[in-house]
């Protein structure tokens, strides 16, 4: 599990494409705000939510499942309840993602262990938006 500032900064600096599982189309929701910050930072963000598939958020089509994306995924950012995070982690493993990021308050030690065993980097119980600002990560070019 990535816990040091240097390791988290390296992950955020190397990443280009982020799949955001659990996107909301409501501007007041954290997932919506985090997606916008990531886009403003230069990341390509592919939103995933089966409840609003086919809609658009911040100009991006909302996908039903990770396995539909077709593009390499650097980070799968998971905005799901802890009890539902394991399924998203398993989907990230199956989709060949390089890393999973469980958002602030999302904790699933067993899912994190499965991801690490499959060779993925793991960040848990942290917010990408907060970490980008806190670590001073430069925008993706």
Protein backbone atom coordinates (compact mmCIF):
# COMPACT_ATOMS: atom_id res chain seq x y z
CA UNK A 1 0.00 0.00 0.00
CA UNK A 2 1.29 3.42 -0.89
CA UNK A 3 1.49 5.56 2.23
CA UNK A 4 4.49 7.84 1.80
CA UNK A 5 4.21 11.26 0.22
CA UNK A 6 6.90 10.33 -2.32
CA UNK A 7 5.13 7.14 -3.45
CA UNK A 8 1.75 8.87 -3.76
CA UNK A 9 3.31 11.81 -5.62
CA UNK A 10 5.05 9.39 -8.01
CA UNK A 11 1.75 7.62 -8.74
CA UNK A 12 -0.09 10.89 -9.37
CA UNK A 13 2.75 12.23 -11.52
CA UNK A 14 2.98 9.11 -13.71
CA UNK A 15 -0.78 8.69 -14.21
CA UNK A 16 -2.58 10.08 -17.24
CA UNK A 17 -5.90 8.18 -17.39
CA UNK A 18 -8.16 7.78 -14.38
CA UNK A 19 -11.40 5.80 -14.28
CA UNK A 20 -13.72 7.20 -11.63
CA UNK A 21 -16.11 4.56 -10.30
CA UNK A 22 -19.17 5.98 -8.59
CA UNK A 23 -19.37 9.32 -10.39
CA UNK A 24 -22.37 11.47 -9.56
CA UNK A 25 -24.00 13.86 -12.01
CA UNK A 26 -24.83 16.14 -9.07
CA UNK A 27 -22.38 19.07 -8.85
CA UNK A 28 -22.60 19.12 -5.04
CA UNK A 29 -21.22 15.57 -4.72
CA UNK A 30 -17.54 14.96 -3.96
CA UNK A 31 -17.06 12.59 -6.90
CA UNK A 32 -18.27 15.26 -9.32
CA UNK A 33 -15.99 17.89 -7.81
CA UNK A 34 -12.96 15.58 -7.70
CA UNK A 35 -13.48 14.66 -11.37
CA UNK A 36 -13.44 18.34 -12.34
CA UNK A 37 -10.26 19.01 -10.33
CA UNK A 38 -8.56 16.01 -11.96
CA UNK A 39 -9.59 17.20 -15.43
CA UNK A 40 -8.34 20.70 -14.63
CA UNK A 41 -5.07 19.04 -13.59
CA UNK A 42 -4.76 17.46 -17.03
CA UNK A 43 -5.91 13.90 -16.35
CA UNK A 44 -8.26 12.12 -18.72
CA UNK A 45 -11.08 11.00 -16.44
CA UNK A 46 -13.46 8.26 -17.56
CA UNK A 47 -16.56 8.18 -15.32
CA UNK A 48 -18.30 4.91 -14.46
CA UNK A 49 -21.76 4.53 -12.92
CA UNK A 50 -24.34 1.96 -14.09
CA UNK A 51 -27.19 4.07 -12.71
CA UNK A 52 -26.53 6.98 -15.11
CA UNK A 53 -24.83 5.22 -18.04
CA UNK A 54 -25.02 7.21 -21.24
CA UNK A 55 -25.24 10.58 -19.50
CA UNK A 56 -22.30 12.99 -19.52
CA UNK A 57 -20.36 14.63 -16.69
CA UNK A 58 -17.83 17.37 -17.40
CA UNK A 59 -17.98 16.47 -21.09
CA UNK A 60 -17.27 12.75 -20.62
CA UNK A 61 -19.62 9.87 -21.40
CA UNK A 62 -20.55 7.83 -18.33
CA UNK A 63 -19.77 4.14 -18.75
CA UNK A 64 -21.60 1.21 -17.15
CA UNK A 65 -18.52 -0.86 -16.26
CA UNK A 66 -14.74 -0.59 -16.23
CA UNK A 67 -14.35 -3.39 -18.76
CA UNK A 68 -16.07 -1.23 -21.39
CA UNK A 69 -13.45 1.52 -21.41
CA UNK A 70 -11.01 -0.06 -23.84
CA UNK A 71 -8.18 2.32 -22.88
CA UNK A 72 -5.34 1.53 -20.48
CA UNK A 73 -6.23 2.74 -16.98
CA UNK A 74 -3.54 4.15 -14.74
CA UNK A 75 -5.73 4.64 -11.65
CA UNK A 76 -9.22 3.47 -10.76
CA UNK A 77 -10.55 6.03 -8.29
CA UNK A 78 -13.29 4.40 -6.21
CA UNK A 79 -16.17 6.44 -4.78
CA UNK A 80 -18.22 3.59 -3.31
CA UNK A 81 -19.20 2.58 0.19
CA UNK A 82 -16.55 0.45 1.85
CA UNK A 83 -18.89 -2.54 1.66
CA UNK A 84 -19.06 -2.15 -2.13
CA UNK A 85 -15.44 -1.23 -2.81
CA UNK A 86 -14.29 -4.84 -3.18
CA UNK A 87 -16.33 -5.37 -6.35
CA UNK A 88 -14.83 -2.20 -7.87
CA UNK A 89 -11.32 -3.34 -6.93
CA UNK A 90 -11.96 -6.74 -8.52
CA UNK A 91 -13.20 -5.00 -11.68
CA UNK A 92 -10.05 -2.85 -11.69
CA UNK A 93 -7.88 -5.96 -11.46
CA UNK A 94 -9.83 -7.61 -14.30
CA UNK A 95 -9.55 -4.45 -16.42
CA UNK A 96 -5.76 -4.42 -16.07
CA UNK A 97 -5.53 -1.14 -14.15
CA UNK A 98 -2.16 -0.17 -12.73
CA UNK A 99 -3.51 1.20 -9.44
CA UNK A 100 -6.62 1.52 -7.31
CA UNK A 101 -7.38 4.53 -5.17
CA UNK A 102 -10.02 4.15 -2.48
CA UNK A 103 -11.31 7.59 -1.61
CA UNK A 104 -11.37 9.17 1.82
CA UNK A 105 -13.46 7.00 4.15
CA UNK A 106 -13.41 4.00 1.79
CA UNK A 107 -11.59 1.16 3.54
CA UNK A 108 -11.44 -2.50 2.49
CA UNK A 109 -8.27 -4.23 3.63
CA UNK A 110 -9.14 -7.53 1.90
CA UNK A 111 -9.75 -5.80 -1.44
CA UNK A 112 -6.51 -3.84 -1.06
CA UNK A 113 -4.64 -7.11 -0.42
CA UNK A 114 -6.20 -8.68 -3.55
CA UNK A 115 -5.14 -5.67 -5.62
CA UNK A 116 -1.58 -5.77 -4.31
CA UNK A 117 -1.39 -9.52 -4.89
CA UNK A 118 -2.43 -8.86 -8.52
CA UNK A 119 0.39 -6.30 -8.88
CA UNK A 120 -1.61 -3.08 -8.56
CA UNK A 121 -0.51 -0.12 -6.49
CA UNK A 122 -3.02 0.75 -3.77
CA UNK A 123 -3.95 3.97 -2.00
CA UNK A 124 -6.71 3.79 0.59
CA UNK A 125 -8.67 6.30 2.66
CA UNK A 126 -7.29 9.36 0.86
CA UNK A 127 -8.73 11.92 -1.56
CA UNK A 128 -6.98 12.58 -4.86
CA UNK A 129 -8.13 16.21 -4.84
CA UNK A 130 -6.64 16.79 -1.39
CA UNK A 131 -3.43 14.92 -2.22
CA UNK A 132 -2.87 16.82 -5.48
CA UNK A 133 -3.00 20.11 -3.56
CA UNK A 134 -1.15 18.91 -0.45
CA UNK A 135 1.72 17.37 -2.41
CA UNK A 136 1.93 20.19 -4.97
CA UNK A 137 1.65 17.81 -7.90
CA UNK A 138 2.16 19.69 -11.17
CA UNK A 139 -0.56 19.44 -13.82
CA UNK A 140 -0.23 16.59 -16.32
CA UNK A 141 1.10 17.71 -19.70
